[in-house]
């Protein structure tokens, strides 16, 4: 399966950027609800900080294996499941009953978001091989805008309604990721670096004169190789020159001479 139209590639970019937007909405909405959480549960500053510790530790540990899985399995499903997991964990945060339940839910958000980042970046680079920096810039703009919106929603609406509101779009986006018409696995071959052409003698001579130590070593190595090659050729020629020449045999005498 390949993306046949440029318009659909831009649709995929819009979908992934929107998902990245709500990625950061769900991540940061809790920050401006600290007062409400303190009032409801009596959380201390250390406990609120532990929520972020759980999120980032789990996010860091899950990123590499989920990135590896995205290279070997259907990345649409990995991204879709990741978005659904973090959206459900955000929704569940509205119904947390204490410190332990909120801690587990924040850690689950880290797992979901770790499943989304690596495959989404790889997919965009495949769809836009000639516009990678521009497309990744658009994609990253979504997360910064989402961070601002998440902070605003958490402060304006508060706990627990803010968790409920921001979780719903992620559930819809997760389903849309499942049905994207893109290659399920990486399609671009791994690029191999081109072989380095030999350095011409004049270039190494100029570098040698300029004082570059690495070029001096390269120049000296090339000189030794040329000298060894020349000495080998001289040795072969000298052996050929002193090799004894077999005397010419007289022509066979015919039977009639006898």
C-alpha atoms as a PDB file:
ATOM      1  CA  UNK A   1       0.000   0.000   0.000  1.00  0.00           C
ATOM      2  CA  UNK A   2       1.381   3.395  -0.974  1.00  0.00           C
ATOM      3  CA  UNK A   3       0.119   6.958  -0.669  1.00  0.00           C
ATOM      4  CA  UNK A   4      -0.904   7.706  -4.243  1.00  0.00           C
ATOM      5  CA  UNK A   5      -1.869  11.370  -3.990  1.00  0.00           C
ATOM      6  CA  UNK A   6      -0.106  14.374  -2.548  1.00  0.00           C
ATOM      7  CA  UNK A   7      -3.396  15.576  -1.077  1.00  0.00           C
ATOM      8  CA  UNK A   8      -3.692  12.441   1.030  1.00  0.00           C
ATOM      9  CA  UNK A   9      -0.126  12.882   2.264  1.00  0.00           C
ATOM     10  CA  UNK A  10      -1.088  16.355   3.496  1.00  0.00           C
ATOM     11  CA  UNK A  11      -4.155  14.833   5.156  1.00  0.00           C
ATOM     12  CA  UNK A  12      -1.883  12.414   7.015  1.00  0.00           C
ATOM     13  CA  UNK A  13       0.285  15.341   8.103  1.00  0.00           C
ATOM     14  CA  UNK A  14      -2.788  17.185   9.395  1.00  0.00           C
ATOM     15  CA  UNK A  15      -3.986  14.080  11.241  1.00  0.00           C
ATOM     16  CA  UNK A  16      -0.622  13.444  12.876  1.00  0.00           C
ATOM     17  CA  UNK A  17      -0.201  17.111  13.786  1.00  0.00           C
ATOM     18  CA  UNK A  18      -3.665  17.205  15.376  1.00  0.00           C
ATOM     19  CA  UNK A  19      -2.820  14.071  17.323  1.00  0.00           C
ATOM     20  CA  UNK A  20       0.441  15.628  18.466  1.00  0.00           C
ATOM     21  CA  UNK A  21      -1.555  18.693  19.525  1.00  0.00           C
ATOM     22  CA  UNK A  22      -3.735  16.630  21.867  1.00  0.00           C
ATOM     23  CA  UNK A  23      -0.684  14.664  22.926  1.00  0.00           C
ATOM     24  CA  UNK A  24       0.560  17.779  24.715  1.00  0.00           C
ATOM     25  CA  UNK A  25      -2.896  18.921  25.772  1.00  0.00           C
ATOM     26  CA  UNK A  26      -3.339  15.677  27.710  1.00  0.00           C
ATOM     27  CA  UNK A  27       0.210  15.800  29.026  1.00  0.00           C
ATOM     28  CA  UNK A  28       0.110  19.311  30.493  1.00  0.00           C
ATOM     29  CA  UNK A  29      -3.523  19.813  31.440  1.00  0.00           C
ATOM     30  CA  UNK A  30      -2.765  18.582  34.958  1.00  0.00           C
ATOM     31  CA  UNK A  31      -0.289  21.379  35.698  1.00  0.00           C
ATOM     32  CA  UNK A  32      -2.868  24.120  36.183  1.00  0.00           C
ATOM     33  CA  UNK A  33      -5.143  21.835  38.233  1.00  0.00           C
ATOM     34  CA  UNK A  34      -2.704  21.451  41.126  1.00  0.00           C
ATOM     35  CA  UNK A  35      -4.794  23.610  43.447  1.00  0.00           C
ATOM     36  CA  UNK A  36      -7.874  21.530  42.719  1.00  0.00           C
ATOM     37  CA  UNK A  37      -5.977  18.287  43.302  1.00  0.00           C
ATOM     38  CA  UNK A  38      -4.587  19.590  46.589  1.00  0.00           C
ATOM     39  CA  UNK A  39      -8.066  20.572  47.688  1.00  0.00           C
ATOM     40  CA  UNK A  40      -9.674  17.270  46.635  1.00  0.00           C
ATOM     41  CA  UNK A  41      -6.989  14.761  47.653  1.00  0.00           C
ATOM     42  CA  UNK A  42      -4.584  16.716  49.838  1.00  0.00           C
ATOM     43  CA  UNK A  43      -1.622  15.990  47.568  1.00  0.00           C
ATOM     44  CA  UNK A  44       1.704  17.453  48.635  1.00  0.00           C
ATOM     45  CA  UNK A  45       4.183  19.080  46.272  1.00  0.00           C
ATOM     46  CA  UNK A  46       6.299  15.923  46.409  1.00  0.00           C
ATOM     47  CA  UNK A  47       3.367  13.784  45.344  1.00  0.00           C
ATOM     48  CA  UNK A  48       2.522  16.121  42.481  1.00  0.00           C
ATOM     49  CA  UNK A  49       6.139  15.959  41.355  1.00  0.00           C
ATOM     50  CA  UNK A  50       6.048  12.161  41.550  1.00  0.00           C
ATOM     51  CA  UNK A  51       3.319  12.143  38.909  1.00  0.00           C
ATOM     52  CA  UNK A  52       5.780  13.721  36.478  1.00  0.00           C
ATOM     53  CA  UNK A  53       8.538  11.370  37.565  1.00  0.00           C
ATOM     54  CA  UNK A  54       6.354   8.372  36.763  1.00  0.00           C
ATOM     55  CA  UNK A  55       5.338   9.851  33.417  1.00  0.00           C
ATOM     56  CA  UNK A  56       8.854  10.603  32.183  1.00  0.00           C
ATOM     57  CA  UNK A  57      10.502   7.432  33.482  1.00  0.00           C
ATOM     58  CA  UNK A  58       7.911   5.224  31.803  1.00  0.00           C
ATOM     59  CA  UNK A  59       7.989   7.367  28.667  1.00  0.00           C
ATOM     60  CA  UNK A  60      11.776   7.058  28.416  1.00  0.00           C
ATOM     61  CA  UNK A  61      11.826   3.299  29.030  1.00  0.00           C
ATOM     62  CA  UNK A  62       9.035   2.598  26.543  1.00  0.00           C
ATOM     63  CA  UNK A  63      10.230   4.788  23.673  1.00  0.00           C
ATOM     64  CA  UNK A  64      12.990   2.512  22.343  1.00  0.00           C
ATOM     65  CA  UNK A  65      11.107  -0.827  22.363  1.00  0.00           C
ATOM     66  CA  UNK A  66       8.020   0.774  20.850  1.00  0.00           C
ATOM     67  CA  UNK A  67      10.162   2.462  18.209  1.00  0.00           C
ATOM     68  CA  UNK A  68      11.702  -0.926  17.380  1.00  0.00           C
ATOM     69  CA  UNK A  69       8.233  -2.455  17.167  1.00  0.00           C
ATOM     70  CA  UNK A  70       7.154   0.282  14.772  1.00  0.00           C
ATOM     71  CA  UNK A  71       9.936  -0.759  12.387  1.00  0.00           C
ATOM     72  CA  UNK A  72       8.831  -4.407  12.404  1.00  0.00           C
ATOM     73  CA  UNK A  73       5.051  -4.381  12.839  1.00  0.00           C
ATOM     74  CA  UNK A  74       2.048  -2.385  11.663  1.00  0.00           C
ATOM     75  CA  UNK A  75       2.859   1.123  12.861  1.00  0.00           C
ATOM     76  CA  UNK A  76      -0.718   2.302  12.279  1.00  0.00           C
ATOM     77  CA  UNK A  77      -1.884  -0.065  14.994  1.00  0.00           C
ATOM     78  CA  UNK A  78       0.957   0.918  17.309  1.00  0.00           C
ATOM     79  CA  UNK A  79       0.140   4.609  16.936  1.00  0.00           C
ATOM     80  CA  UNK A  80      -3.594   4.012  17.230  1.00  0.00           C
ATOM     81  CA  UNK A  81      -3.269   1.887  20.360  1.00  0.00           C
ATOM     82  CA  UNK A  82      -0.884   4.422  21.880  1.00  0.00           C
ATOM     83  CA  UNK A  83      -3.303   7.305  21.339  1.00  0.00           C
ATOM     84  CA  UNK A  84      -6.225   5.309  22.742  1.00  0.00           C
ATOM     85  CA  UNK A  85      -4.178   4.298  25.791  1.00  0.00           C
ATOM     86  CA  UNK A  86      -3.141   7.824  26.710  1.00  0.00           C
ATOM     87  CA  UNK A  87      -6.657   9.175  26.012  1.00  0.00           C
ATOM     88  CA  UNK A  88      -8.294   6.538  28.217  1.00  0.00           C
ATOM     89  CA  UNK A  89      -5.698   7.173  30.929  1.00  0.00           C
ATOM     90  CA  UNK A  90      -6.477  10.893  30.742  1.00  0.00           C
ATOM     91  CA  UNK A  91     -10.185  10.166  30.986  1.00  0.00           C
ATOM     92  CA  UNK A  92      -9.560   7.818  33.908  1.00  0.00           C
ATOM     93  CA  UNK A  93      -7.680  10.565  35.718  1.00  0.00           C
ATOM     94  CA  UNK A  94     -11.013  12.315  36.196  1.00  0.00           C
ATOM     95  CA  UNK A  95     -12.149   9.358  38.309  1.00  0.00           C
ATOM     96  CA  UNK A  96      -8.969   8.738  40.301  1.00  0.00           C
ATOM     97  CA  UNK A  97      -9.620   8.082  43.986  1.00  0.00           C
ATOM     98  CA  UNK A  98      -6.179   8.773  45.409  1.00  0.00           C
ATOM     99  CA  UNK A  99      -2.451   9.038  44.951  1.00  0.00           C
ATOM    100  CA  UNK A 100      -1.764   5.497  43.714  1.00  0.00           C
ATOM    101  CA  UNK A 101      -4.500   5.486  41.094  1.00  0.00           C
ATOM    102  CA  UNK A 102      -3.420   8.887  39.742  1.00  0.00           C
ATOM    103  CA  UNK A 103       0.203   7.717  39.662  1.00  0.00           C
ATOM    104  CA  UNK A 104      -0.658   4.625  37.597  1.00  0.00           C
ATOM    105  CA  UNK A 105      -2.774   6.659  35.196  1.00  0.00           C
ATOM    106  CA  UNK A 106      -0.014   9.247  34.651  1.00  0.00           C
ATOM    107  CA  UNK A 107       2.447   6.447  33.954  1.00  0.00           C
ATOM    108  CA  UNK A 108       0.018   4.952  31.427  1.00  0.00           C
ATOM    109  CA  UNK A 109      -0.093   8.286  29.617  1.00  0.00           C
ATOM    110  CA  UNK A 110       3.694   8.008  29.251  1.00  0.00           C
ATOM    111  CA  UNK A 111       3.396   4.579  27.613  1.00  0.00           C
ATOM    112  CA  UNK A 112       0.782   5.804  25.155  1.00  0.00           C
ATOM    113  CA  UNK A 113       2.745   8.846  24.116  1.00  0.00           C
ATOM    114  CA  UNK A 114       5.942   6.816  23.712  1.00  0.00           C
ATOM    115  CA  UNK A 115       4.117   4.638  21.172  1.00  0.00           C
ATOM    116  CA  UNK A 116       3.221   7.636  19.035  1.00  0.00           C
ATOM    117  CA  UNK A 117       6.350   9.749  18.618  1.00  0.00           C
ATOM    118  CA  UNK A 118       8.846   7.479  16.789  1.00  0.00           C
ATOM    119  CA  UNK A 119       6.515   6.030  14.103  1.00  0.00           C
ATOM    120  CA  UNK A 120       4.834   9.350  13.374  1.00  0.00           C
ATOM    121  CA  UNK A 121       8.159  11.074  12.686  1.00  0.00           C
ATOM    122  CA  UNK A 122       9.370   8.187  10.523  1.00  0.00           C
ATOM    123  CA  UNK A 123       6.135   8.154   8.529  1.00  0.00           C
ATOM    124  CA  UNK A 124       6.278  11.880   7.806  1.00  0.00           C
ATOM    125  CA  UNK A 125       9.855  11.611   6.543  1.00  0.00           C
ATOM    126  CA  UNK A 126       8.742   8.867   4.148  1.00  0.00           C
ATOM    127  CA  UNK A 127       5.738  10.782   2.851  1.00  0.00           C
ATOM    128  CA  UNK A 128       7.724  13.997   2.344  1.00  0.00           C
ATOM    129  CA  UNK A 129      11.316  12.990   1.544  1.00  0.00           C
ATOM    130  CA  UNK A 130      11.984  16.351  -0.113  1.00  0.00           C
ATOM    131  CA  UNK A 131      10.408  18.482   2.662  1.00  0.00           C
ATOM    132  CA  UNK A 132      11.486  16.711   5.849  1.00  0.00           C
ATOM    133  CA  UNK A 133      12.514  19.753   7.889  1.00  0.00           C
ATOM    134  CA  UNK A 134       9.441  21.766   6.883  1.00  0.00           C
ATOM    135  CA  UNK A 135       7.021  18.937   7.622  1.00  0.00           C
ATOM    136  CA  UNK A 136       8.602  18.051  10.963  1.00  0.00           C
ATOM    137  CA  UNK A 137       8.420  21.755  11.845  1.00  0.00           C
ATOM    138  CA  UNK A 138       4.669  21.753  11.206  1.00  0.00           C
ATOM    139  CA  UNK A 139       4.316  18.551  13.207  1.00  0.00           C
ATOM    140  CA  UNK A 140       6.240  19.982  16.167  1.00  0.00           C
ATOM    141  CA  UNK A 141       4.224  23.203  16.081  1.00  0.00           C
ATOM    142  CA  UNK A 142       1.211  21.097  17.027  1.00  0.00           C
ATOM    143  CA  UNK A 143       2.747  20.004  20.298  1.00  0.00           C
ATOM    144  CA  UNK A 144       3.698  23.535  21.383  1.00  0.00           C
ATOM    145  CA  UNK A 145       0.232  24.835  20.581  1.00  0.00           C
ATOM    146  CA  UNK A 146      -1.226  21.874  22.449  1.00  0.00           C
ATOM    147  CA  UNK A 147       0.876  22.656  25.504  1.00  0.00           C
ATOM    148  CA  UNK A 148      -0.561  26.184  25.626  1.00  0.00           C
ATOM    149  CA  UNK A 149      -4.142  24.956  25.192  1.00  0.00           C
ATOM    150  CA  UNK A 150      -3.693  22.220  27.792  1.00  0.00           C
ATOM    151  CA  UNK A 151      -2.492  24.693  30.391  1.00  0.00           C
ATOM    152  CA  UNK A 152      -5.378  27.037  29.597  1.00  0.00           C
ATOM    153  CA  UNK A 153      -8.062  24.325  29.725  1.00  0.00           C
ATOM    154  CA  UNK A 154      -6.796  22.950  33.024  1.00  0.00           C
ATOM    155  CA  UNK A 155      -6.864  26.388  34.635  1.00  0.00           C
ATOM    156  CA  UNK A 156     -10.224  27.465  33.217  1.00  0.00           C
ATOM    157  CA  UNK A 157     -12.248  24.275  33.687  1.00  0.00           C
ATOM    158  CA  UNK A 158     -10.424  22.537  36.520  1.00  0.00           C
ATOM    159  CA  UNK A 159     -10.584  19.046  37.972  1.00  0.00           C
ATOM    160  CA  UNK A 160     -12.216  16.697  37.019  1.00  0.00           C
ATOM    161  CA  UNK A 161     -14.044  18.149  34.008  1.00  0.00           C
ATOM    162  CA  UNK A 162     -10.862  19.203  32.204  1.00  0.00           C
ATOM    163  CA  UNK A 163      -9.631  15.600  32.068  1.00  0.00           C
ATOM    164  CA  UNK A 164     -12.961  14.501  30.577  1.00  0.00           C
ATOM    165  CA  UNK A 165     -13.022  17.218  27.934  1.00  0.00           C
ATOM    166  CA  UNK A 166      -9.486  16.820  26.598  1.00  0.00           C
ATOM    167  CA  UNK A 167      -9.661  13.006  26.472  1.00  0.00           C
ATOM    168  CA  UNK A 168     -12.518  12.783  23.951  1.00  0.00           C
ATOM    169  CA  UNK A 169     -10.686  14.075  20.817  1.00  0.00           C
ATOM    170  CA  UNK A 170      -7.881  11.569  21.354  1.00  0.00           C
ATOM    171  CA  UNK A 171     -10.340   8.674  21.225  1.00  0.00           C
ATOM    172  CA  UNK A 172     -11.536   9.840  17.798  1.00  0.00           C
ATOM    173  CA  UNK A 173      -8.021  10.455  16.488  1.00  0.00           C
ATOM    174  CA  UNK A 174      -6.876   7.029  17.637  1.00  0.00           C
ATOM    175  CA  UNK A 175      -9.537   5.359  15.493  1.00  0.00           C
ATOM    176  CA  UNK A 176      -8.578   7.487  12.471  1.00  0.00           C
ATOM    177  CA  UNK A 177      -4.951   6.402  12.845  1.00  0.00           C
ATOM    178  CA  UNK A 178      -6.008   2.762  12.585  1.00  0.00           C
ATOM    179  CA  UNK A 179      -7.585   3.299   9.154  1.00  0.00           C
ATOM    180  CA  UNK A 180      -4.889   5.488   7.567  1.00  0.00           C
ATOM    181  CA  UNK A 181      -4.078   4.364   4.023  1.00  0.00           C
ATOM    182  CA  UNK A 182      -0.317   4.346   4.444  1.00  0.00           C
ATOM    183  CA  UNK A 183       2.262   1.549   4.307  1.00  0.00           C
ATOM    184  CA  UNK A 184       2.032  -0.426   7.577  1.00  0.00           C
ATOM    185  CA  UNK A 185       5.826  -0.782   7.742  1.00  0.00           C
ATOM    186  CA  UNK A 186       8.806   1.289   6.695  1.00  0.00           C
ATOM    187  CA  UNK A 187       9.176   1.343   2.907  1.00  0.00           C
ATOM    188  CA  UNK A 188      12.250   3.493   2.322  1.00  0.00           C
ATOM    189  CA  UNK A 189      15.481   1.494   1.967  1.00  0.00           C
ATOM    190  CA  UNK A 190      18.309   2.209   4.314  1.00  0.00           C
ATOM    191  CA  UNK A 191      20.647   4.621   2.575  1.00  0.00           C
ATOM    192  CA  UNK A 192      24.283   3.639   2.467  1.00  0.00           C
ATOM    193  CA  UNK A 193      26.921   6.338   2.455  1.00  0.00           C
ATOM    194  CA  UNK A 194      28.674   6.697  -0.906  1.00  0.00           C
ATOM    195  CA  UNK A 195      32.157   5.324  -1.175  1.00  0.00           C
ATOM    196  CA  UNK A 196      34.800   7.969  -0.697  1.00  0.00           C
ATOM    197  CA  UNK A 197      36.703   8.730  -3.903  1.00  0.00           C
ATOM    198  CA  UNK A 198      40.495   8.588  -3.754  1.00  0.00           C
ATOM    199  CA  UNK A 199      42.160  11.860  -2.924  1.00  0.00           C
ATOM    200  CA  UNK A 200      44.200  13.219  -5.838  1.00  0.00           C
ATOM    201  CA  UNK A 201      47.918  13.763  -5.168  1.00  0.00           C
ATOM    202  CA  UNK A 202      47.698  17.518  -5.705  1.00  0.00           C
ATOM    203  CA  UNK A 203      45.005  17.827  -3.033  1.00  0.00           C
ATOM    204  CA  UNK A 204      47.039  15.978  -0.414  1.00  0.00           C
ATOM    205  CA  UNK A 205      50.089  18.075  -1.303  1.00  0.00           C
ATOM    206  CA  UNK A 206      48.148  21.282  -0.703  1.00  0.00           C
ATOM    207  CA  UNK A 207      46.753  19.949   2.580  1.00  0.00           C
ATOM    208  CA  UNK A 208      50.233  18.827   3.601  1.00  0.00           C
ATOM    209  CA  UNK A 209      51.586  22.304   2.986  1.00  0.00           C
ATOM    210  CA  UNK A 210      48.705  23.896   4.912  1.00  0.00           C
ATOM    211  CA  UNK A 211      49.641  21.970   8.061  1.00  0.00           C
ATOM    212  CA  UNK A 212      46.590  19.673   8.491  1.00  0.00           C
ATOM    213  CA  UNK A 213      47.880  16.730  10.618  1.00  0.00           C
ATOM    214  CA  UNK A 214      45.315  14.248   9.298  1.00  0.00           C
ATOM    215  CA  UNK A 215      46.168  15.115   5.709  1.00  0.00           C
ATOM    216  CA  UNK A 216      49.872  14.838   6.503  1.00  0.00           C
ATOM    217  CA  UNK A 217      49.366  11.310   7.747  1.00  0.00           C
ATOM    218  CA  UNK A 218      47.288  10.461   4.678  1.00  0.00           C
ATOM    219  CA  UNK A 219      49.918  11.956   2.395  1.00  0.00           C
ATOM    220  CA  UNK A 220      52.698  10.000   4.104  1.00  0.00           C
ATOM    221  CA  UNK A 221      50.708   6.773   3.835  1.00  0.00           C
ATOM    222  CA  UNK A 222      50.104   7.309   0.125  1.00  0.00           C
ATOM    223  CA  UNK A 223      53.792   8.021  -0.427  1.00  0.00           C
ATOM    224  CA  UNK A 224      54.741   4.780   1.342  1.00  0.00           C
ATOM    225  CA  UNK A 225      52.258   2.832  -0.744  1.00  0.00           C
ATOM    226  CA  UNK A 226      53.654   4.296  -3.964  1.00  0.00           C
ATOM    227  CA  UNK A 227      57.212   3.563  -2.843  1.00  0.00           C
ATOM    228  CA  UNK A 228      56.342  -0.004  -1.922  1.00  0.00           C
ATOM    229  CA  UNK A 229      54.640  -0.477  -5.265  1.00  0.00           C
ATOM    230  CA  UNK A 230      57.607   0.973  -7.125  1.00  0.00           C
ATOM    231  CA  UNK A 231      60.119  -1.140  -5.213  1.00  0.00           C
ATOM    232  CA  UNK A 232      58.054  -4.228  -5.920  1.00  0.00           C
ATOM    233  CA  UNK A 233      58.029  -3.461  -9.629  1.00  0.00           C
ATOM    234  CA  UNK A 234      61.806  -2.834  -9.640  1.00  0.00           C
ATOM    235  CA  UNK A 235      62.369  -6.152  -7.884  1.00  0.00           C
ATOM    236  CA  UNK A 236      60.352  -8.000 -10.480  1.00  0.00           C
ATOM    237  CA  UNK A 237      62.206  -6.279 -13.317  1.00  0.00           C
ATOM    238  CA  UNK A 238      65.610  -7.018 -11.778  1.00  0.00           C
ATOM    239  CA  UNK A 239      64.762 -10.697 -11.403  1.00  0.00           C
ATOM    240  CA  UNK A 240      63.682 -10.790 -15.012  1.00  0.00           C
ATOM    241  CA  UNK A 241      66.924  -9.122 -16.090  1.00  0.00           C
ATOM    242  CA  UNK A 242      69.223 -11.611 -14.346  1.00  0.00           C
ATOM    243  CA  UNK A 243      67.231 -14.691 -15.161  1.00  0.00           C
ATOM    244  CA  UNK A 244      69.359 -17.106 -17.238  1.00  0.00           C
ATOM    245  CA  UNK A 245      68.409 -17.448 -20.836  1.00  0.00           C
ATOM    246  CA  UNK A 246      68.156 -20.992 -22.068  1.00  0.00           C
ATOM    247  CA  UNK A 247      70.444 -21.701 -25.096  1.00  0.00           C
ATOM    248  CA  UNK A 248      68.736 -22.188 -28.394  1.00  0.00           C
ATOM    249  CA  UNK A 249      68.563 -25.806 -29.440  1.00  0.00           C
ATOM    250  CA  UNK A 250      69.844 -26.715 -32.923  1.00  0.00           C
ATOM    251  CA  UNK A 251      67.219 -27.727 -35.396  1.00  0.00           C
ATOM    252  CA  UNK A 252      66.616 -31.477 -35.596  1.00  0.00           C
ATOM    253  CA  UNK A 253      68.612 -33.253 -38.270  1.00  0.00           C
ATOM    254  CA  UNK A 254      66.530 -34.890 -40.857  1.00  0.00           C
ATOM    255  CA  UNK A 255      66.671 -38.610 -41.413  1.00  0.00           C
ATOM    256  CA  UNK A 256      68.001 -38.079 -44.938  1.00  0.00           C
ATOM    257  CA  UNK A 257      71.306 -36.658 -43.592  1.00  0.00           C
ATOM    258  CA  UNK A 258      72.160 -40.072 -42.183  1.00  0.00           C
END
